[in-house]
Amino acid sequence: MKLNKIFSQGFFYNAPAFILCCGDPSVYPLSEYKKGIDDPFEMRAIRDLAMSTEHIVLRAAYLSLGTCYVS
């Protein structure tokens, strides 16, 4: 089977496990958005996803598991 290699890091394809984290900006309620005050939904989704992903990395470190955040 041929893989479409989208990441240049070779270690990525030899990892024993992956955790894929995704966000959906469309689920943020429109009524809560205040133009000029709040970030656009895409930025809010990226920020929330980054924070939750970092919590996964911190927990893995606590459990003595190696991780590598790959954007």
N, C-alpha and C. Protein backbone atom coordinates (compact mmCIF):
# COMPACT_ATOMS: atom_id res chain seq x y z
N MET A 1 0.84 -1.17 0.00
CA MET A 1 0.00 0.00 0.00
C MET A 1 0.89 1.24 0.00
N LYS A 2 0.62 2.17 -0.91
CA LYS A 2 1.38 3.41 -0.98
C LYS A 2 0.69 4.49 -0.15
N LEU A 3 1.47 5.15 0.69
CA LEU A 3 0.94 6.23 1.51
C LEU A 3 1.17 7.56 0.82
N ASN A 4 0.20 8.43 0.91
CA ASN A 4 0.39 9.82 0.49
C ASN A 4 1.03 10.54 1.65
N LYS A 5 2.33 10.76 1.56
CA LYS A 5 3.06 11.36 2.68
C LYS A 5 2.93 12.87 2.65
N ILE A 6 2.14 13.39 3.59
CA ILE A 6 1.92 14.83 3.65
C ILE A 6 2.83 15.51 4.66
N PHE A 7 3.49 14.73 5.52
CA PHE A 7 4.41 15.29 6.49
C PHE A 7 5.84 14.93 6.08
N SER A 8 6.74 15.88 6.21
CA SER A 8 8.12 15.63 5.80
C SER A 8 8.92 14.89 6.87
N GLN A 9 8.43 14.86 8.10
CA GLN A 9 9.15 14.19 9.19
C GLN A 9 8.96 12.67 9.06
N GLY A 10 10.07 11.96 8.90
CA GLY A 10 10.00 10.52 8.73
C GLY A 10 9.47 9.79 9.95
N PHE A 11 9.75 10.31 11.15
CA PHE A 11 9.30 9.63 12.37
C PHE A 11 7.79 9.52 12.44
N PHE A 12 7.10 10.42 11.78
CA PHE A 12 5.64 10.44 11.81
C PHE A 12 5.05 9.12 11.32
N TYR A 13 5.67 8.53 10.32
CA TYR A 13 5.13 7.32 9.70
C TYR A 13 5.54 6.04 10.43
N ASN A 14 6.37 6.18 11.44
CA ASN A 14 6.77 5.02 12.25
C ASN A 14 6.20 5.08 13.66
N ALA A 15 5.36 6.05 13.94
CA ALA A 15 4.79 6.20 15.28
C ALA A 15 3.84 5.04 15.60
N PRO A 16 3.84 4.56 16.83
CA PRO A 16 2.95 3.45 17.19
C PRO A 16 1.48 3.87 17.32
N ALA A 17 1.24 5.17 17.49
CA ALA A 17 -0.15 5.64 17.65
C ALA A 17 -0.24 7.11 17.24
N PHE A 18 -1.46 7.51 16.88
CA PHE A 18 -1.73 8.90 16.52
C PHE A 18 -2.97 9.37 17.27
N ILE A 19 -3.00 10.62 17.61
CA ILE A 19 -4.22 11.25 18.10
C ILE A 19 -4.46 12.44 17.17
N LEU A 20 -5.55 12.40 16.47
CA LEU A 20 -5.91 13.48 15.55
C LEU A 20 -6.95 14.35 16.22
N CYS A 21 -6.63 15.63 16.40
CA CYS A 21 -7.53 16.57 17.06
C CYS A 21 -8.10 17.53 16.02
N CYS A 22 -9.40 17.68 16.03
CA CYS A 22 -10.08 18.53 15.03
C CYS A 22 -11.03 19.49 15.74
N GLY A 23 -11.29 20.60 15.09
CA GLY A 23 -12.23 21.59 15.61
C GLY A 23 -13.19 22.03 14.52
N ASP A 24 -14.38 22.47 14.91
CA ASP A 24 -15.39 22.91 13.97
C ASP A 24 -15.89 24.29 14.39
N PRO A 25 -15.43 25.35 13.70
CA PRO A 25 -15.85 26.70 14.09
C PRO A 25 -17.33 26.96 13.92
N SER A 26 -18.01 26.15 13.14
CA SER A 26 -19.44 26.39 12.90
C SER A 26 -20.30 26.05 14.11
N VAL A 27 -19.75 25.37 15.10
CA VAL A 27 -20.55 25.01 16.27
C VAL A 27 -20.59 26.12 17.33
N TYR A 28 -19.80 27.17 17.14
CA TYR A 28 -19.84 28.29 18.08
C TYR A 28 -21.12 29.09 17.84
N PRO A 29 -21.86 29.37 18.89
CA PRO A 29 -23.14 30.09 18.73
C PRO A 29 -22.94 31.50 18.19
N LEU A 30 -23.66 31.84 17.14
CA LEU A 30 -23.55 33.17 16.55
C LEU A 30 -24.01 34.26 17.50
N SER A 31 -24.95 33.96 18.37
CA SER A 31 -25.48 34.99 19.27
C SER A 31 -24.44 35.49 20.27
N GLU A 32 -23.39 34.71 20.52
CA GLU A 32 -22.38 35.10 21.50
C GLU A 32 -21.27 35.95 20.90
N TYR A 33 -21.24 36.11 19.59
CA TYR A 33 -20.16 36.84 18.93
C TYR A 33 -20.42 38.34 18.96
N LYS A 34 -19.45 39.09 19.48
CA LYS A 34 -19.54 40.55 19.50
C LYS A 34 -18.42 41.09 18.63
N LYS A 35 -18.78 41.65 17.47
CA LYS A 35 -17.79 42.15 16.53
C LYS A 35 -16.93 43.22 17.19
N GLY A 36 -15.62 43.13 16.98
CA GLY A 36 -14.69 44.08 17.57
C GLY A 36 -14.23 43.69 18.96
N ILE A 37 -14.91 42.74 19.58
CA ILE A 37 -14.54 42.30 20.93
C ILE A 37 -14.05 40.85 20.89
N ASP A 38 -14.85 39.97 20.31
CA ASP A 38 -14.51 38.55 20.24
C ASP A 38 -13.68 38.25 18.99
N ASP A 39 -12.91 37.18 19.07
CA ASP A 39 -12.19 36.68 17.90
C ASP A 39 -13.18 36.05 16.94
N PRO A 40 -12.85 36.02 15.64
CA PRO A 40 -13.69 35.27 14.70
C PRO A 40 -13.77 33.79 15.12
N PHE A 41 -14.82 33.11 14.70
CA PHE A 41 -15.03 31.72 15.11
C PHE A 41 -13.86 30.82 14.76
N GLU A 42 -13.23 31.05 13.60
CA GLU A 42 -12.10 30.21 13.21
C GLU A 42 -10.96 30.34 14.21
N MET A 43 -10.68 31.56 14.65
CA MET A 43 -9.61 31.77 15.63
C MET A 43 -9.96 31.19 16.99
N ARG A 44 -11.22 31.29 17.37
CA ARG A 44 -11.65 30.71 18.65
C ARG A 44 -11.50 29.19 18.61
N ALA A 45 -11.86 28.58 17.48
CA ALA A 45 -11.75 27.13 17.35
C ALA A 45 -10.28 26.70 17.39
N ILE A 46 -9.41 27.43 16.70
CA ILE A 46 -7.98 27.10 16.70
C ILE A 46 -7.41 27.23 18.11
N ARG A 47 -7.75 28.30 18.80
CA ARG A 47 -7.24 28.52 20.16
C ARG A 47 -7.73 27.43 21.11
N ASP A 48 -9.01 27.11 21.06
CA ASP A 48 -9.55 26.08 21.95
C ASP A 48 -8.95 24.71 21.64
N LEU A 49 -8.77 24.42 20.37
CA LEU A 49 -8.18 23.14 19.97
C LEU A 49 -6.73 23.04 20.43
N ALA A 50 -5.98 24.13 20.29
CA ALA A 50 -4.58 24.13 20.74
C ALA A 50 -4.47 23.89 22.24
N MET A 51 -5.34 24.55 23.02
CA MET A 51 -5.31 24.37 24.47
C MET A 51 -5.67 22.94 24.87
N SER A 52 -6.69 22.38 24.24
CA SER A 52 -7.09 21.02 24.60
C SER A 52 -6.04 20.00 24.17
N THR A 53 -5.40 20.24 23.03
CA THR A 53 -4.34 19.35 22.56
C THR A 53 -3.15 19.39 23.52
N GLU A 54 -2.82 20.58 23.99
CA GLU A 54 -1.71 20.70 24.94
C GLU A 54 -2.01 19.96 26.23
N HIS A 55 -3.26 19.93 26.66
CA HIS A 55 -3.62 19.14 27.85
C HIS A 55 -3.37 17.65 27.62
N ILE A 56 -3.62 17.18 26.41
CA ILE A 56 -3.33 15.78 26.08
C ILE A 56 -1.83 15.52 26.17
N VAL A 57 -1.03 16.44 25.64
CA VAL A 57 0.43 16.31 25.70
C VAL A 57 0.92 16.31 27.15
N LEU A 58 0.36 17.20 27.97
CA LEU A 58 0.76 17.25 29.38
C LEU A 58 0.40 15.97 30.12
N ARG A 59 -0.77 15.43 29.84
CA ARG A 59 -1.18 14.17 30.49
C ARG A 59 -0.28 13.02 30.06
N ALA A 60 0.06 13.00 28.78
CA ALA A 60 0.97 11.95 28.29
C ALA A 60 2.32 12.05 29.00
N ALA A 61 2.82 13.26 29.18
CA ALA A 61 4.09 13.44 29.89
C ALA A 61 3.97 12.95 31.33
N TYR A 62 2.85 13.23 31.96
CA TYR A 62 2.61 12.76 33.32
C TYR A 62 2.64 11.24 33.39
N LEU A 63 2.17 10.60 32.34
CA LEU A 63 2.16 9.14 32.28
C LEU A 63 3.45 8.56 31.71
N SER A 64 4.47 9.41 31.55
CA SER A 64 5.79 9.02 31.02
C SER A 64 5.72 8.51 29.58
N LEU A 65 4.82 9.10 28.81
CA LEU A 65 4.70 8.75 27.40
C LEU A 65 5.31 9.89 26.57
N GLY A 66 6.05 9.54 25.56
CA GLY A 66 6.62 10.55 24.67
C GLY A 66 5.59 11.03 23.68
N THR A 67 5.64 12.30 23.38
CA THR A 67 4.72 12.87 22.39
C THR A 67 5.47 13.82 21.48
N CYS A 68 4.86 14.13 20.37
CA CYS A 68 5.39 15.13 19.46
C CYS A 68 4.22 15.82 18.80
N TYR A 69 4.07 17.10 19.07
CA TYR A 69 2.99 17.90 18.48
C TYR A 69 3.39 18.20 17.03
N VAL A 70 2.57 17.75 16.09
CA VAL A 70 2.83 18.00 14.68
C VAL A 70 1.65 18.78 14.14
N SER A 71 1.91 19.99 13.66
CA SER A 71 0.79 20.81 13.16
C SER A 71 0.31 20.21 11.88
